Amino acid sequence: MTTRVLVLAGGLSHERDVSLRSGRRVAEALRDVGLEVDERDVDASLLPWLRDHRPDCVVPLLHGETGEDGALREILELVDVPYVGAGPAASRVAFDKPVAKVVAARAGLHTPASVTLPAETFRELGAAAVMEALVHAVGLPLVVKPAKGGSALGFSVVRTAEALPGAMVDAYAYGDTALVERFVEGDEVAVPVVDTGDGPRALPAVGIQPDGGVYDYSARYTAGSTEFVVPAKLDDDLAAECARVALVAHEALGLRHLSRSDLMIDANGRVWFLDVNVAPGLTETSTVPLSVTAAGLDLGDLVADLVRAAIVRSTL
C-alpha cells in the first residue's frame, strides 16, 4: 500500500513564501520516490480534511511562528496524526533563541554573550540609555535579531553605535522581543542533523559565503547571491567539532528527525552555536538539500525515511 503524506506549507508568518517553496520541492521529491502526496495550507479547513482524508503522516514545512512554535504540532498530536519533526515542547524551546542559547550553554556549547530585550522594556527604560548600555556591555560589532523567527528577517550586524537604533527598529518589526548578541567574526556554517530511526547523525557542514558579507534574507533566498561550499572547507578535526556541536544541540533540545544548527567558527578555531531550526528551509537555495546531496543521499528518499520513522514512532 502506498504511503499517503500531507505536506503542510504556507501559513501566515513573514516566511510564507519560503515555506511554500519548501513545500513544493519536498512534495515533488516525495512523489518522485513513489509516495502519494497532498499539499495544503493551514486554514480552517485543515482539521475537517484531516478527519475525512486522514494521511499516514504529515510533513510540516511551515517556517516562522506558525510552524515552529509547537502549536501546530500540538494540534496534530491532538488529532493523533503522525508527523515529521520535533514535538511541541522541544519546538517551543528551540524557536525561542534566548532560551535555546541557555540550553546549549548548559550542554557545554559556546554561544555568544547576549541580552534579551522586550520592546516594552526598551521603551520604558529609555531607548538611548539602553542602547548605550548595550554597546558598553556587549561590545561592537554586535548582532540584533528577533528573539523568535527565522530566515534572517529583522537581522542586522551593527558595527557602529549610530547604526544600532535602526537595527532595533528592524528587529521589533518582526517580533516584540529582540536578541542583541556579540558578533562573532569568522566563517559561518550550517550543519543538518537527521535521524531516520537509528539515532541522530550530522550531515556535511555547508560553508556560507554571502556576497555582501552578511547572510541576511536576501542572501539566503536570492539565487546566486551567496556561495555555498559543501562540504565546507574544514580540516577533519574542525569538521568533526562542528558535527559534534550540532548533535549536542539537537539532543540537548530534545529534537527529532531533522534539525539544522547555525554555527560560527572564529579565527582561533572555536565553534560557536548561534541557533537551531526545527523546520529548516528546503528550497532550491537552502543549505539542508545541499548537505543531503553532499552526503550522497536523495532528498526524496531521506524525507520518505523520516516519514517512515515518524509512522513507526506513532505506533510505539
C-alpha atoms as a PDB file:
ATOM      1  CA  MET A   1       0.000   0.000   0.000  1.00  0.00           C
ATOM      2  CA  THR A   2       1.340   3.448  -0.950  1.00  0.00           C
ATOM      3  CA  THR A   3       2.139   5.752   1.944  1.00  0.00           C
ATOM      4  CA  ARG A   4      -0.090   8.844   1.938  1.00  0.00           C
ATOM      5  CA  VAL A   5       1.651  12.025   3.028  1.00  0.00           C
ATOM      6  CA  LEU A   6       0.326  15.526   3.626  1.00  0.00           C
ATOM      7  CA  VAL A   7       2.835  18.337   3.126  1.00  0.00           C
ATOM      8  CA  LEU A   8       1.805  21.445   5.046  1.00  0.00           C
ATOM      9  CA  ALA A   9       3.238  24.719   3.752  1.00  0.00           C
ATOM     10  CA  GLY A  10       2.336  28.389   3.677  1.00  0.00           C
ATOM     11  CA  GLY A  11       0.801  29.783   6.845  1.00  0.00           C
ATOM     12  CA  LEU A  12       0.560  33.436   7.770  1.00  0.00           C
ATOM     13  CA  SER A  13       4.065  34.166   9.059  1.00  0.00           C
ATOM     14  CA  HIS A  14       6.527  36.526   7.381  1.00  0.00           C
ATOM     15  CA  GLU A  15       8.171  33.406   5.935  1.00  0.00           C
ATOM     16  CA  ARG A  16       5.123  32.227   3.989  1.00  0.00           C
ATOM     17  CA  ASP A  17       6.782  32.434   0.568  1.00  0.00           C
ATOM     18  CA  VAL A  18       9.817  30.450   1.705  1.00  0.00           C
ATOM     19  CA  SER A  19       7.530  27.830   3.242  1.00  0.00           C
ATOM     20  CA  LEU A  20       5.574  27.433   0.009  1.00  0.00           C
ATOM     21  CA  ARG A  21       8.805  26.931  -1.934  1.00  0.00           C
ATOM     22  CA  SER A  22       9.980  24.328   0.585  1.00  0.00           C
ATOM     23  CA  GLY A  23       6.626  22.562   0.401  1.00  0.00           C
ATOM     24  CA  ARG A  24       6.597  22.370  -3.394  1.00  0.00           C
ATOM     25  CA  ARG A  25      10.108  20.959  -3.511  1.00  0.00           C
ATOM     26  CA  VAL A  26       9.504  18.302  -0.867  1.00  0.00           C
ATOM     27  CA  ALA A  27       6.161  17.286  -2.366  1.00  0.00           C
ATOM     28  CA  GLU A  28       7.787  16.757  -5.757  1.00  0.00           C
ATOM     29  CA  ALA A  29      10.683  14.834  -4.202  1.00  0.00           C
ATOM     30  CA  LEU A  30       8.311  12.516  -2.336  1.00  0.00           C
ATOM     31  CA  ARG A  31       6.231  11.865  -5.444  1.00  0.00           C
ATOM     32  CA  ASP A  32       9.416  11.010  -7.314  1.00  0.00           C
ATOM     33  CA  VAL A  33      10.079   8.175  -4.851  1.00  0.00           C
ATOM     34  CA  GLY A  34       6.559   6.784  -5.114  1.00  0.00           C
ATOM     35  CA  LEU A  35       4.642   8.324  -2.221  1.00  0.00           C
ATOM     36  CA  GLU A  36       1.131   9.712  -2.586  1.00  0.00           C
ATOM     37  CA  VAL A  37       1.298  13.387  -1.636  1.00  0.00           C
ATOM     38  CA  ASP A  38      -1.269  16.072  -0.882  1.00  0.00           C
ATOM     39  CA  GLU A  39      -0.297  19.702  -0.331  1.00  0.00           C
ATOM     40  CA  ARG A  40      -2.282  22.028   1.887  1.00  0.00           C
ATOM     41  CA  ASP A  41      -2.039  25.380   3.577  1.00  0.00           C
ATOM     42  CA  VAL A  42      -3.052  25.886   7.202  1.00  0.00           C
ATOM     43  CA  ASP A  43      -6.567  27.262   7.469  1.00  0.00           C
ATOM     44  CA  ALA A  44      -9.999  26.466   8.912  1.00  0.00           C
ATOM     45  CA  SER A  45     -10.471  23.569   6.502  1.00  0.00           C
ATOM     46  CA  LEU A  46      -7.411  21.650   7.687  1.00  0.00           C
ATOM     47  CA  LEU A  47      -8.891  19.753  10.634  1.00  0.00           C
ATOM     48  CA  PRO A  48     -12.024  18.598   8.743  1.00  0.00           C
ATOM     49  CA  TRP A  49      -9.732  17.492   5.894  1.00  0.00           C
ATOM     50  CA  LEU A  50      -7.526  15.519   8.286  1.00  0.00           C
ATOM     51  CA  ARG A  51     -10.623  13.839   9.721  1.00  0.00           C
ATOM     52  CA  ASP A  52     -12.030  12.903   6.318  1.00  0.00           C
ATOM     53  CA  HIS A  53      -8.799  12.047   4.469  1.00  0.00           C
ATOM     54  CA  ARG A  54      -6.500  11.006   7.313  1.00  0.00           C
ATOM     55  CA  PRO A  55      -2.969  10.755   5.866  1.00  0.00           C
ATOM     56  CA  ASP A  56      -0.395   8.278   7.123  1.00  0.00           C
ATOM     57  CA  CYS A  57       1.911  11.157   8.058  1.00  0.00           C
ATOM     58  CA  VAL A  58       2.199  14.940   7.909  1.00  0.00           C
ATOM     59  CA  VAL A  59       5.364  16.786   6.901  1.00  0.00           C
ATOM     60  CA  PRO A  60       5.048  20.288   8.429  1.00  0.00           C
ATOM     61  CA  LEU A  61       7.135  22.767   6.448  1.00  0.00           C
ATOM     62  CA  LEU A  62       5.747  25.987   7.836  1.00  0.00           C
ATOM     63  CA  HIS A  63       8.530  28.339   8.805  1.00  0.00           C
ATOM     64  CA  GLY A  64       8.393  31.023  11.464  1.00  0.00           C
ATOM     65  CA  GLU A  65       5.978  31.182  14.353  1.00  0.00           C
ATOM     66  CA  THR A  66       3.097  29.422  12.609  1.00  0.00           C
ATOM     67  CA  GLY A  67       5.021  26.220  12.132  1.00  0.00           C
ATOM     68  CA  GLU A  68       7.845  26.248  14.640  1.00  0.00           C
ATOM     69  CA  ASP A  69       6.384  27.429  17.955  1.00  0.00           C
ATOM     70  CA  GLY A  70       4.901  23.994  18.707  1.00  0.00           C
ATOM     71  CA  ALA A  71       1.237  24.946  18.349  1.00  0.00           C
ATOM     72  CA  LEU A  72       0.612  23.180  15.043  1.00  0.00           C
ATOM     73  CA  ARG A  73       2.399  20.061  16.271  1.00  0.00           C
ATOM     74  CA  GLU A  74       0.243  20.134  19.384  1.00  0.00           C
ATOM     75  CA  ILE A  75      -2.863  20.102  17.179  1.00  0.00           C
ATOM     76  CA  LEU A  76      -1.509  17.206  15.106  1.00  0.00           C
ATOM     77  CA  GLU A  77      -0.995  15.249  18.307  1.00  0.00           C
ATOM     78  CA  LEU A  78      -4.483  16.208  19.452  1.00  0.00           C
ATOM     79  CA  VAL A  79      -5.990  14.582  16.359  1.00  0.00           C
ATOM     80  CA  ASP A  80      -3.497  11.690  16.569  1.00  0.00           C
ATOM     81  CA  VAL A  81      -1.817  12.156  13.185  1.00  0.00           C
ATOM     82  CA  PRO A  82       1.891  11.212  12.922  1.00  0.00           C
ATOM     83  CA  TYR A  83       4.218  13.985  11.759  1.00  0.00           C
ATOM     84  CA  VAL A  84       7.877  14.507  10.944  1.00  0.00           C
ATOM     85  CA  GLY A  85       9.845  16.684  13.318  1.00  0.00           C
ATOM     86  CA  ALA A  86      10.281  17.783  16.906  1.00  0.00           C
ATOM     87  CA  GLY A  87       7.436  17.644  19.393  1.00  0.00           C
ATOM     88  CA  PRO A  88       5.566  20.703  20.695  1.00  0.00           C
ATOM     89  CA  ALA A  89       7.651  21.351  23.831  1.00  0.00           C
ATOM     90  CA  ALA A  90      11.011  20.947  22.090  1.00  0.00           C
ATOM     91  CA  SER A  91       9.837  23.139  19.207  1.00  0.00           C
ATOM     92  CA  ARG A  92       8.861  25.934  21.597  1.00  0.00           C
ATOM     93  CA  VAL A  93      12.241  25.863  23.304  1.00  0.00           C
ATOM     94  CA  ALA A  94      14.245  25.756  20.069  1.00  0.00           C
ATOM     95  CA  PHE A  95      12.143  28.512  18.470  1.00  0.00           C
ATOM     96  CA  ASP A  96      12.895  30.877  21.356  1.00  0.00           C
ATOM     97  CA  LYS A  97      16.507  31.797  20.544  1.00  0.00           C
ATOM     98  CA  PRO A  98      17.457  33.163  24.009  1.00  0.00           C
ATOM     99  CA  VAL A  99      16.083  30.033  25.710  1.00  0.00           C
ATOM    100  CA  ALA A 100      17.782  27.741  23.186  1.00  0.00           C
ATOM    101  CA  LYS A 101      21.071  29.526  23.867  1.00  0.00           C
ATOM    102  CA  VAL A 102      20.722  28.820  27.587  1.00  0.00           C
ATOM    103  CA  VAL A 103      20.072  25.131  26.921  1.00  0.00           C
ATOM    104  CA  ALA A 104      23.056  24.976  24.569  1.00  0.00           C
ATOM    105  CA  ALA A 105      25.339  26.693  27.080  1.00  0.00           C
ATOM    106  CA  ARG A 106      24.257  24.291  29.834  1.00  0.00           C
ATOM    107  CA  ALA A 107      25.147  21.439  27.484  1.00  0.00           C
ATOM    108  CA  GLY A 108      28.676  22.823  27.280  1.00  0.00           C
ATOM    109  CA  LEU A 109      28.482  24.636  23.938  1.00  0.00           C
ATOM    110  CA  HIS A 110      29.970  28.073  23.299  1.00  0.00           C
ATOM    111  CA  THR A 111      27.355  30.691  22.443  1.00  0.00           C
ATOM    112  CA  PRO A 112      27.944  34.457  22.115  1.00  0.00           C
ATOM    113  CA  ALA A 113      27.174  36.749  25.046  1.00  0.00           C
ATOM    114  CA  SER A 114      23.771  38.352  24.600  1.00  0.00           C
ATOM    115  CA  VAL A 115      20.960  40.448  26.065  1.00  0.00           C
ATOM    116  CA  THR A 116      17.251  39.814  25.500  1.00  0.00           C
ATOM    117  CA  LEU A 117      15.142  42.973  25.291  1.00  0.00           C
ATOM    118  CA  PRO A 118      11.341  43.157  25.058  1.00  0.00           C
ATOM    119  CA  ALA A 119      10.184  46.262  23.188  1.00  0.00           C
ATOM    120  CA  GLU A 120       8.227  47.460  26.217  1.00  0.00           C
ATOM    121  CA  THR A 121      11.336  47.392  28.426  1.00  0.00           C
ATOM    122  CA  PHE A 122      13.347  49.101  25.697  1.00  0.00           C
ATOM    123  CA  ARG A 123      10.861  51.987  25.603  1.00  0.00           C
ATOM    124  CA  GLU A 124      10.195  52.279  29.323  1.00  0.00           C
ATOM    125  CA  LEU A 125      13.862  52.487  30.305  1.00  0.00           C
ATOM    126  CA  GLY A 126      14.650  54.965  27.549  1.00  0.00           C
ATOM    127  CA  ALA A 127      15.976  53.801  24.206  1.00  0.00           C
ATOM    128  CA  ALA A 128      19.095  55.968  24.249  1.00  0.00           C
ATOM    129  CA  ALA A 129      20.190  54.828  27.701  1.00  0.00           C
ATOM    130  CA  VAL A 130      19.514  51.175  26.923  1.00  0.00           C
ATOM    131  CA  MET A 131      21.476  51.311  23.674  1.00  0.00           C
ATOM    132  CA  GLU A 132      24.416  52.970  25.399  1.00  0.00           C
ATOM    133  CA  ALA A 133      24.411  50.187  27.999  1.00  0.00           C
ATOM    134  CA  LEU A 134      24.199  47.541  25.267  1.00  0.00           C
ATOM    135  CA  VAL A 135      27.214  48.851  23.405  1.00  0.00           C
ATOM    136  CA  HIS A 136      29.174  49.059  26.657  1.00  0.00           C
ATOM    137  CA  ALA A 137      28.228  45.586  27.887  1.00  0.00           C
ATOM    138  CA  VAL A 138      28.061  43.523  24.681  1.00  0.00           C
ATOM    139  CA  GLY A 139      30.567  45.475  22.638  1.00  0.00           C
ATOM    140  CA  LEU A 140      30.805  46.200  18.929  1.00  0.00           C
ATOM    141  CA  PRO A 141      30.258  44.716  16.480  1.00  0.00           C
ATOM    142  CA  LEU A 142      27.036  43.065  17.567  1.00  0.00           C
ATOM    143  CA  VAL A 143      24.057  41.312  16.024  1.00  0.00           C
ATOM    144  CA  VAL A 144      20.435  42.340  16.510  1.00  0.00           C
ATOM    145  CA  LYS A 145      17.650  39.934  15.569  1.00  0.00           C
ATOM    146  CA  PRO A 146      14.145  38.978  16.677  1.00  0.00           C
ATOM    147  CA  ALA A 147      14.184  36.536  19.596  1.00  0.00           C
ATOM    148  CA  LYS A 148      11.799  34.327  17.625  1.00  0.00           C
ATOM    149  CA  GLY A 149      11.645  33.797  13.897  1.00  0.00           C
ATOM    150  CA  GLY A 150      13.809  32.653  11.031  1.00  0.00           C
ATOM    151  CA  SER A 151      15.085  33.372   7.525  1.00  0.00           C
ATOM    152  CA  ALA A 152      17.160  36.244   8.991  1.00  0.00           C
ATOM    153  CA  LEU A 153      14.161  38.586   8.872  1.00  0.00           C
ATOM    154  CA  GLY A 154      14.877  41.604  11.070  1.00  0.00           C
ATOM    155  CA  PHE A 155      18.536  40.576  11.329  1.00  0.00           C
ATOM    156  CA  SER A 156      21.309  43.203  11.363  1.00  0.00           C
ATOM    157  CA  VAL A 157      25.031  43.295  12.012  1.00  0.00           C
ATOM    158  CA  VAL A 158      25.807  46.538  13.858  1.00  0.00           C
ATOM    159  CA  ARG A 159      29.359  47.857  13.634  1.00  0.00           C
ATOM    160  CA  THR A 160      28.801  51.401  14.922  1.00  0.00           C
ATOM    161  CA  ALA A 161      26.695  52.817  17.750  1.00  0.00           C
ATOM    162  CA  GLU A 162      24.941  55.065  15.225  1.00  0.00           C
ATOM    163  CA  ALA A 163      23.577  52.012  13.378  1.00  0.00           C
ATOM    164  CA  LEU A 164      22.028  50.450  16.476  1.00  0.00           C
ATOM    165  CA  PRO A 165      18.701  52.398  16.566  1.00  0.00           C
ATOM    166  CA  GLY A 166      17.770  51.323  13.054  1.00  0.00           C
ATOM    167  CA  ALA A 167      18.700  47.724  13.806  1.00  0.00           C
ATOM    168  CA  MET A 168      16.466  47.691  16.885  1.00  0.00           C
ATOM    169  CA  VAL A 169      13.545  49.066  14.853  1.00  0.00           C
ATOM    170  CA  ASP A 170      14.095  46.377  12.210  1.00  0.00           C
ATOM    171  CA  ALA A 171      14.106  43.589  14.804  1.00  0.00           C
ATOM    172  CA  TYR A 172      10.972  44.851  16.559  1.00  0.00           C
ATOM    173  CA  ALA A 173       9.169  44.921  13.200  1.00  0.00           C
ATOM    174  CA  TYR A 174       9.221  41.103  13.309  1.00  0.00           C
ATOM    175  CA  GLY A 175       8.544  40.489  16.980  1.00  0.00           C
ATOM    176  CA  ASP A 176       8.109  42.111  20.366  1.00  0.00           C
ATOM    177  CA  THR A 177      11.463  40.902  21.726  1.00  0.00           C
ATOM    178  CA  ALA A 178      14.955  41.464  20.321  1.00  0.00           C
ATOM    179  CA  LEU A 179      18.094  39.438  20.932  1.00  0.00           C
ATOM    180  CA  VAL A 180      21.256  41.531  20.973  1.00  0.00           C
ATOM    181  CA  GLU A 181      24.290  39.304  20.658  1.00  0.00           C
ATOM    182  CA  ARG A 182      28.044  39.743  20.345  1.00  0.00           C
ATOM    183  CA  PHE A 183      29.019  39.292  16.704  1.00  0.00           C
ATOM    184  CA  VAL A 184      31.497  36.501  16.089  1.00  0.00           C
ATOM    185  CA  GLU A 185      33.875  37.294  13.237  1.00  0.00           C
ATOM    186  CA  GLY A 186      34.645  34.187  11.249  1.00  0.00           C
ATOM    187  CA  ASP A 187      33.209  31.568   8.946  1.00  0.00           C
ATOM    188  CA  GLU A 188      29.541  30.622   9.101  1.00  0.00           C
ATOM    189  CA  VAL A 189      28.478  27.031   8.581  1.00  0.00           C
ATOM    190  CA  ALA A 190      25.173  25.189   8.712  1.00  0.00           C
ATOM    191  CA  VAL A 191      25.056  21.586   9.918  1.00  0.00           C
ATOM    192  CA  PRO A 192      21.914  19.472   9.452  1.00  0.00           C
ATOM    193  CA  VAL A 193      21.167  16.562  11.769  1.00  0.00           C
ATOM    194  CA  VAL A 194      18.908  13.720  10.643  1.00  0.00           C
ATOM    195  CA  ASP A 195      17.511  10.703  12.451  1.00  0.00           C
ATOM    196  CA  THR A 196      15.632   8.101  10.414  1.00  0.00           C
ATOM    197  CA  GLY A 197      15.245   5.772  13.375  1.00  0.00           C
ATOM    198  CA  ASP A 198      18.774   4.592  14.074  1.00  0.00           C
ATOM    199  CA  GLY A 199      19.973   7.610  16.036  1.00  0.00           C
ATOM    200  CA  PRO A 200      20.859  11.178  15.034  1.00  0.00           C
ATOM    201  CA  ARG A 201      23.764  11.797  12.685  1.00  0.00           C
ATOM    202  CA  ALA A 202      25.240  15.009  11.336  1.00  0.00           C
ATOM    203  CA  LEU A 203      25.365  15.598   7.600  1.00  0.00           C
ATOM    204  CA  PRO A 204      28.243  17.509   5.952  1.00  0.00           C
ATOM    205  CA  ALA A 205      28.686  21.115   7.067  1.00  0.00           C
ATOM    206  CA  VAL A 206      27.802  23.749   4.480  1.00  0.00           C
ATOM    207  CA  GLY A 207      30.122  26.757   4.266  1.00  0.00           C
ATOM    208  CA  ILE A 208      28.239  30.022   3.722  1.00  0.00           C
ATOM    209  CA  GLN A 209      29.899  32.898   1.834  1.00  0.00           C
ATOM    210  CA  PRO A 210      27.396  35.707   1.085  1.00  0.00           C
ATOM    211  CA  ASP A 211      28.444  38.303  -1.487  1.00  0.00           C
ATOM    212  CA  GLY A 212      27.686  41.153   0.885  1.00  0.00           C
ATOM    213  CA  GLY A 213      29.372  39.524   3.863  1.00  0.00           C
ATOM    214  CA  VAL A 214      26.110  39.117   5.807  1.00  0.00           C
ATOM    215  CA  TYR A 215      23.829  36.100   5.449  1.00  0.00           C
ATOM    216  CA  ASP A 216      20.555  38.033   5.571  1.00  0.00           C
ATOM    217  CA  TYR A 217      17.162  37.262   3.993  1.00  0.00           C
ATOM    218  CA  SER A 218      18.216  38.423   0.530  1.00  0.00           C
ATOM    219  CA  ALA A 219      21.436  36.424   0.685  1.00  0.00           C
ATOM    220  CA  ARG A 220      19.513  33.325   1.727  1.00  0.00           C
ATOM    221  CA  TYR A 221      16.814  33.328  -0.909  1.00  0.00           C
ATOM    222  CA  THR A 222      18.209  35.192  -3.927  1.00  0.00           C
ATOM    223  CA  ALA A 223      19.797  32.703  -6.277  1.00  0.00           C
ATOM    224  CA  GLY A 224      23.465  33.464  -6.872  1.00  0.00           C
ATOM    225  CA  SER A 225      23.888  35.976  -4.037  1.00  0.00           C
ATOM    226  CA  THR A 226      25.622  33.501  -1.726  1.00  0.00           C
ATOM    227  CA  GLU A 227      28.282  30.910  -2.463  1.00  0.00           C
ATOM    228  CA  PHE A 228      27.738  27.640  -0.643  1.00  0.00           C
ATOM    229  CA  VAL A 229      30.702  25.338  -0.188  1.00  0.00           C
ATOM    230  CA  VAL A 230      29.739  21.778   0.618  1.00  0.00           C
ATOM    231  CA  PRO A 231      31.353  20.090   2.305  1.00  0.00           C
ATOM    232  CA  ALA A 232      32.729  23.229   3.968  1.00  0.00           C
ATOM    233  CA  LYS A 233      36.489  23.698   3.653  1.00  0.00           C
ATOM    234  CA  LEU A 234      37.391  22.496   7.138  1.00  0.00           C
ATOM    235  CA  ASP A 235      40.113  20.200   8.366  1.00  0.00           C
ATOM    236  CA  ASP A 236      38.984  16.862   9.747  1.00  0.00           C
ATOM    237  CA  ASP A 237      39.157  17.928  13.407  1.00  0.00           C
ATOM    238  CA  LEU A 238      37.155  21.113  12.834  1.00  0.00           C
ATOM    239  CA  ALA A 239      34.555  19.311  10.700  1.00  0.00           C
ATOM    240  CA  ALA A 240      34.172  16.741  13.488  1.00  0.00           C
ATOM    241  CA  GLU A 241      33.753  19.510  16.062  1.00  0.00           C
ATOM    242  CA  CYS A 242      31.028  21.204  14.005  1.00  0.00           C
ATOM    243  CA  ALA A 243      29.224  17.876  13.729  1.00  0.00           C
ATOM    244  CA  ARG A 244      29.572  17.331  17.484  1.00  0.00           C
ATOM    245  CA  VAL A 245      28.155  20.762  18.304  1.00  0.00           C
ATOM    246  CA  ALA A 246      25.144  20.229  16.018  1.00  0.00           C
ATOM    247  CA  LEU A 247      24.483  16.797  17.543  1.00  0.00           C
ATOM    248  CA  VAL A 248      24.781  18.105  21.113  1.00  0.00           C
ATOM    249  CA  ALA A 249      22.347  20.945  20.319  1.00  0.00           C
ATOM    250  CA  HIS A 250      19.897  18.531  18.655  1.00  0.00           C
ATOM    251  CA  GLU A 251      19.907  16.147  21.594  1.00  0.00           C
ATOM    252  CA  ALA A 252      20.057  18.753  24.388  1.00  0.00           C
ATOM    253  CA  LEU A 253      16.995  20.474  22.945  1.00  0.00           C
ATOM    254  CA  GLY A 254      15.113  17.194  22.597  1.00  0.00           C
ATOM    255  CA  LEU A 255      14.712  17.444  18.817  1.00  0.00           C
ATOM    256  CA  ARG A 256      13.929  14.593  16.457  1.00  0.00           C
ATOM    257  CA  HIS A 257      14.028  13.607  12.777  1.00  0.00           C
ATOM    258  CA  LEU A 258      15.548  16.804  11.353  1.00  0.00           C
ATOM    259  CA  SER A 259      17.221  19.989  12.555  1.00  0.00           C
ATOM    260  CA  ARG A 260      19.791  22.463  11.298  1.00  0.00           C
ATOM    261  CA  SER A 261      22.264  24.223  13.553  1.00  0.00           C
ATOM    262  CA  ASP A 262      23.828  27.521  12.500  1.00  0.00           C
ATOM    263  CA  LEU A 263      27.399  27.908  13.734  1.00  0.00           C
ATOM    264  CA  MET A 264      30.295  30.351  13.522  1.00  0.00           C
ATOM    265  CA  ILE A 265      33.977  29.405  13.535  1.00  0.00           C
ATOM    266  CA  ASP A 266      36.248  32.166  14.825  1.00  0.00           C
ATOM    267  CA  ALA A 267      39.868  32.839  13.918  1.00  0.00           C
ATOM    268  CA  ASN A 268      41.046  30.599  16.767  1.00  0.00           C
ATOM    269  CA  GLY A 269      39.035  27.633  15.506  1.00  0.00           C
ATOM    270  CA  ARG A 270      36.423  27.820  18.238  1.00  0.00           C
ATOM    271  CA  VAL A 271      32.931  26.769  17.161  1.00  0.00           C
ATOM    272  CA  TRP A 272      30.075  28.966  18.385  1.00  0.00           C
ATOM    273  CA  PHE A 273      26.441  27.858  18.471  1.00  0.00           C
ATOM    274  CA  LEU A 274      24.101  30.567  17.163  1.00  0.00           C
ATOM    275  CA  ASP A 275      20.697  28.895  16.867  1.00  0.00           C
ATOM    276  CA  VAL A 276      18.878  25.807  15.655  1.00  0.00           C
ATOM    277  CA  ASN A 277      15.958  25.391  13.285  1.00  0.00           C
ATOM    278  CA  VAL A 278      13.344  22.652  13.702  1.00  0.00           C
ATOM    279  CA  ALA A 279      11.753  23.267  10.286  1.00  0.00           C
ATOM    280  CA  PRO A 280      14.703  24.274   8.108  1.00  0.00           C
ATOM    281  CA  GLY A 281      14.156  25.620   4.626  1.00  0.00           C
ATOM    282  CA  LEU A 282      14.222  23.033   1.864  1.00  0.00           C
ATOM    283  CA  THR A 283      14.140  25.368  -1.123  1.00  0.00           C
ATOM    284  CA  GLU A 284      16.485  25.378  -4.102  1.00  0.00           C
ATOM    285  CA  THR A 285      18.801  27.808  -2.267  1.00  0.00           C
ATOM    286  CA  SER A 286      18.569  26.236   1.200  1.00  0.00           C
ATOM    287  CA  THR A 287      21.542  24.627   2.901  1.00  0.00           C
ATOM    288  CA  VAL A 288      19.941  21.345   4.010  1.00  0.00           C
ATOM    289  CA  PRO A 289      19.335  19.947   0.489  1.00  0.00           C
ATOM    290  CA  LEU A 290      22.914  20.857  -0.442  1.00  0.00           C
ATOM    291  CA  SER A 291      24.195  18.908   2.542  1.00  0.00           C
ATOM    292  CA  VAL A 292      21.887  15.976   1.736  1.00  0.00           C
ATOM    293  CA  THR A 293      23.332  15.778  -1.784  1.00  0.00           C
ATOM    294  CA  ALA A 294      26.919  16.059  -0.484  1.00  0.00           C
ATOM    295  CA  ALA A 295      26.220  13.121   1.808  1.00  0.00           C
ATOM    296  CA  GLY A 296      25.309  11.040  -1.257  1.00  0.00           C
ATOM    297  CA  LEU A 297      21.623  10.984  -0.362  1.00  0.00           C
ATOM    298  CA  ASP A 298      18.486  11.817  -2.297  1.00  0.00           C
ATOM    299  CA  LEU A 299      16.144  14.369  -0.732  1.00  0.00           C
ATOM    300  CA  GLY A 300      13.035  12.368  -1.573  1.00  0.00           C
ATOM    301  CA  ASP A 301      14.488   9.143  -0.163  1.00  0.00           C
ATOM    302  CA  LEU A 302      15.609  10.915   3.007  1.00  0.00           C
ATOM    303  CA  VAL A 303      12.258  12.592   3.692  1.00  0.00           C
ATOM    304  CA  ALA A 304      10.494   9.302   2.921  1.00  0.00           C
ATOM    305  CA  ASP A 305      12.714   7.631   5.529  1.00  0.00           C
ATOM    306  CA  LEU A 306      11.809  10.381   8.016  1.00  0.00           C
ATOM    307  CA  VAL A 307       8.136   9.787   7.239  1.00  0.00           C
ATOM    308  CA  ARG A 308       8.525   6.072   7.935  1.00  0.00           C
ATOM    309  CA  ALA A 309      10.364   6.821  11.185  1.00  0.00           C
ATOM    310  CA  ALA A 310       7.530   9.135  12.276  1.00  0.00           C
ATOM    311  CA  ILE A 311       4.934   6.473  11.487  1.00  0.00           C
ATOM    312  CA  VAL A 312       6.858   3.821  13.419  1.00  0.00           C
ATOM    313  CA  ARG A 313       7.251   6.153  16.383  1.00  0.00           C
ATOM    314  CA  SER A 314       3.492   6.784  16.468  1.00  0.00           C
ATOM    315  CA  THR A 315       2.839   3.062  16.952  1.00  0.00           C
ATOM    316  CA  LEU A 316       5.158   2.688  19.953  1.00  0.00           C
END
